[in-house]
Amino acid sequence: MHNLTVNSNIIANTGTIYHDFYIGGDLHITGNAVFGDSTGDTISLTGSGKALSVSGTTTINTSNITTTGNQTYTGAVTLGA
């Protein structure tokens, strides 16, 4: 199992995030994103008003994406696993 904890904002051009990923800031992806590779993966943005945004297409392969702010998906969203 892989865990990653980040305590600041993240801005990425594209992103594939899986296993357990904890962010203490906002996550903004300019481009396409894939979240999770199984329903047991956890993507969590903690702290007051932490937002997630993806400007491209998004594939969600987990049932555990939590934020304390808005989640914005501009492109097509595909629900997988």
C-alpha atoms as a PDB file:
ATOM      1  CA  MET A   1       0.000   0.000   0.000  1.00  0.00           C
ATOM      2  CA  HIS A   2       1.242   3.471  -0.876  1.00  0.00           C
ATOM      3  CA  ASN A   3       0.248   6.571   1.073  1.00  0.00           C
ATOM      4  CA  LEU A   4       1.096  10.168   0.156  1.00  0.00           C
ATOM      5  CA  THR A   5       0.382  13.156   2.375  1.00  0.00           C
ATOM      6  CA  VAL A   6       0.945  16.702   1.072  1.00  0.00           C
ATOM      7  CA  ASN A   7       0.352  19.813   3.174  1.00  0.00           C
ATOM      8  CA  SER A   8       0.143  22.460   0.451  1.00  0.00           C
ATOM      9  CA  ASN A   9      -1.695  23.268  -2.790  1.00  0.00           C
ATOM     10  CA  ILE A  10      -0.958  21.161  -5.872  1.00  0.00           C
ATOM     11  CA  ILE A  11      -1.251  22.334  -9.479  1.00  0.00           C
ATOM     12  CA  ALA A  12      -0.640  19.744 -12.206  1.00  0.00           C
ATOM     13  CA  ASN A  13      -0.927  19.523 -15.997  1.00  0.00           C
ATOM     14  CA  THR A  14      -2.298  15.970 -15.914  1.00  0.00           C
ATOM     15  CA  GLY A  15      -2.630  13.550 -13.065  1.00  0.00           C
ATOM     16  CA  THR A  16      -3.073   9.921 -12.133  1.00  0.00           C
ATOM     17  CA  ILE A  17      -3.661   9.563  -8.416  1.00  0.00           C
ATOM     18  CA  TYR A  18      -4.234   6.218  -6.742  1.00  0.00           C
ATOM     19  CA  HIS A  19      -3.868   4.398  -3.438  1.00  0.00           C
ATOM     20  CA  ASP A  20      -4.276   6.757  -0.457  1.00  0.00           C
ATOM     21  CA  PHE A  21      -3.635  10.443  -1.182  1.00  0.00           C
ATOM     22  CA  TYR A  22      -4.159  13.125   1.488  1.00  0.00           C
ATOM     23  CA  ILE A  23      -3.775  16.824   0.659  1.00  0.00           C
ATOM     24  CA  GLY A  24      -3.849  19.694   3.136  1.00  0.00           C
ATOM     25  CA  GLY A  25      -4.479  22.175   0.312  1.00  0.00           C
ATOM     26  CA  ASP A  26      -6.281  22.595  -2.987  1.00  0.00           C
ATOM     27  CA  LEU A  27      -5.761  20.274  -5.964  1.00  0.00           C
ATOM     28  CA  HIS A  28      -6.076  21.857  -9.421  1.00  0.00           C
ATOM     29  CA  ILE A  29      -5.418  19.722 -12.506  1.00  0.00           C
ATOM     30  CA  THR A  30      -5.235  21.485 -15.864  1.00  0.00           C
ATOM     31  CA  GLY A  31      -5.847  18.590 -18.222  1.00  0.00           C
ATOM     32  CA  ASN A  32      -7.048  15.034 -17.704  1.00  0.00           C
ATOM     33  CA  ALA A  33      -7.153  13.152 -14.404  1.00  0.00           C
ATOM     34  CA  VAL A  34      -7.568   9.581 -13.173  1.00  0.00           C
ATOM     35  CA  PHE A  35      -8.463   9.064  -9.512  1.00  0.00           C
ATOM     36  CA  GLY A  36      -7.976   5.631  -7.971  1.00  0.00           C
ATOM     37  CA  ASP A  37      -7.455   2.157  -9.325  1.00  0.00           C
ATOM     38  CA  SER A  38      -9.841   0.418  -6.912  1.00  0.00           C
ATOM     39  CA  THR A  39     -12.866   1.327  -4.805  1.00  0.00           C
ATOM     40  CA  GLY A  40     -10.718   1.123  -1.662  1.00  0.00           C
ATOM     41  CA  ASP A  41      -8.450   4.037  -2.635  1.00  0.00           C
ATOM     42  CA  THR A  42      -8.898   7.312  -0.740  1.00  0.00           C
ATOM     43  CA  ILE A  43      -8.421  10.810  -2.160  1.00  0.00           C
ATOM     44  CA  SER A  44      -8.905  13.385   0.616  1.00  0.00           C
ATOM     45  CA  LEU A  45      -8.463  17.175   0.721  1.00  0.00           C
ATOM     46  CA  THR A  46      -8.557  18.299   4.339  1.00  0.00           C
ATOM     47  CA  GLY A  47      -8.713  21.684   6.016  1.00  0.00           C
ATOM     48  CA  SER A  48     -11.163  24.516   5.617  1.00  0.00           C
ATOM     49  CA  GLY A  49     -12.600  25.019   2.116  1.00  0.00           C
ATOM     50  CA  LYS A  50     -10.127  22.827   0.196  1.00  0.00           C
ATOM     51  CA  ALA A  51     -11.201  22.487  -3.437  1.00  0.00           C
ATOM     52  CA  LEU A  52     -10.625  20.021  -6.258  1.00  0.00           C
ATOM     53  CA  SER A  53     -10.826  21.043  -9.921  1.00  0.00           C
ATOM     54  CA  VAL A  54     -10.120  19.233 -13.194  1.00  0.00           C
ATOM     55  CA  SER A  55     -10.340  21.062 -16.536  1.00  0.00           C
ATOM     56  CA  GLY A  56     -10.062  17.984 -18.792  1.00  0.00           C
ATOM     57  CA  THR A  57     -11.694  14.581 -18.721  1.00  0.00           C
ATOM     58  CA  THR A  58     -11.882  12.712 -15.419  1.00  0.00           C
ATOM     59  CA  THR A  59     -12.005   8.988 -14.674  1.00  0.00           C
ATOM     60  CA  ILE A  60     -13.061   8.120 -11.126  1.00  0.00           C
ATOM     61  CA  ASN A  61     -12.135   4.578 -10.056  1.00  0.00           C
ATOM     62  CA  THR A  62     -12.789   4.996  -6.334  1.00  0.00           C
ATOM     63  CA  SER A  63     -15.741   5.689  -4.081  1.00  0.00           C
ATOM     64  CA  ASN A  64     -13.678   7.834  -1.705  1.00  0.00           C
ATOM     65  CA  ILE A  65     -13.059  11.386  -2.953  1.00  0.00           C
ATOM     66  CA  THR A  66     -13.674  13.893  -0.176  1.00  0.00           C
ATOM     67  CA  THR A  67     -13.113  17.643  -0.004  1.00  0.00           C
ATOM     68  CA  THR A  68     -14.127  20.403   2.380  1.00  0.00           C
ATOM     69  CA  GLY A  69     -14.659  22.758  -0.582  1.00  0.00           C
ATOM     70  CA  ASN A  70     -16.110  22.474  -4.061  1.00  0.00           C
ATOM     71  CA  GLN A  71     -15.356  19.714  -6.553  1.00  0.00           C
ATOM     72  CA  THR A  72     -15.394  21.058 -10.125  1.00  0.00           C
ATOM     73  CA  TYR A  73     -15.146  18.786 -13.173  1.00  0.00           C
ATOM     74  CA  THR A  74     -15.235  20.800 -16.439  1.00  0.00           C
ATOM     75  CA  GLY A  75     -14.831  17.918 -18.908  1.00  0.00           C
ATOM     76  CA  ALA A  76     -16.535  14.558 -19.224  1.00  0.00           C
ATOM     77  CA  VAL A  77     -16.542  12.361 -16.105  1.00  0.00           C
ATOM     78  CA  THR A  78     -16.424   8.540 -16.313  1.00  0.00           C
ATOM     79  CA  LEU A  79     -17.220   6.415 -13.278  1.00  0.00           C
ATOM     80  CA  GLY A  80     -15.154   3.225 -13.278  1.00  0.00           C
ATOM     81  CA  ALA A  81     -14.404   0.681 -10.556  1.00  0.00           C
END
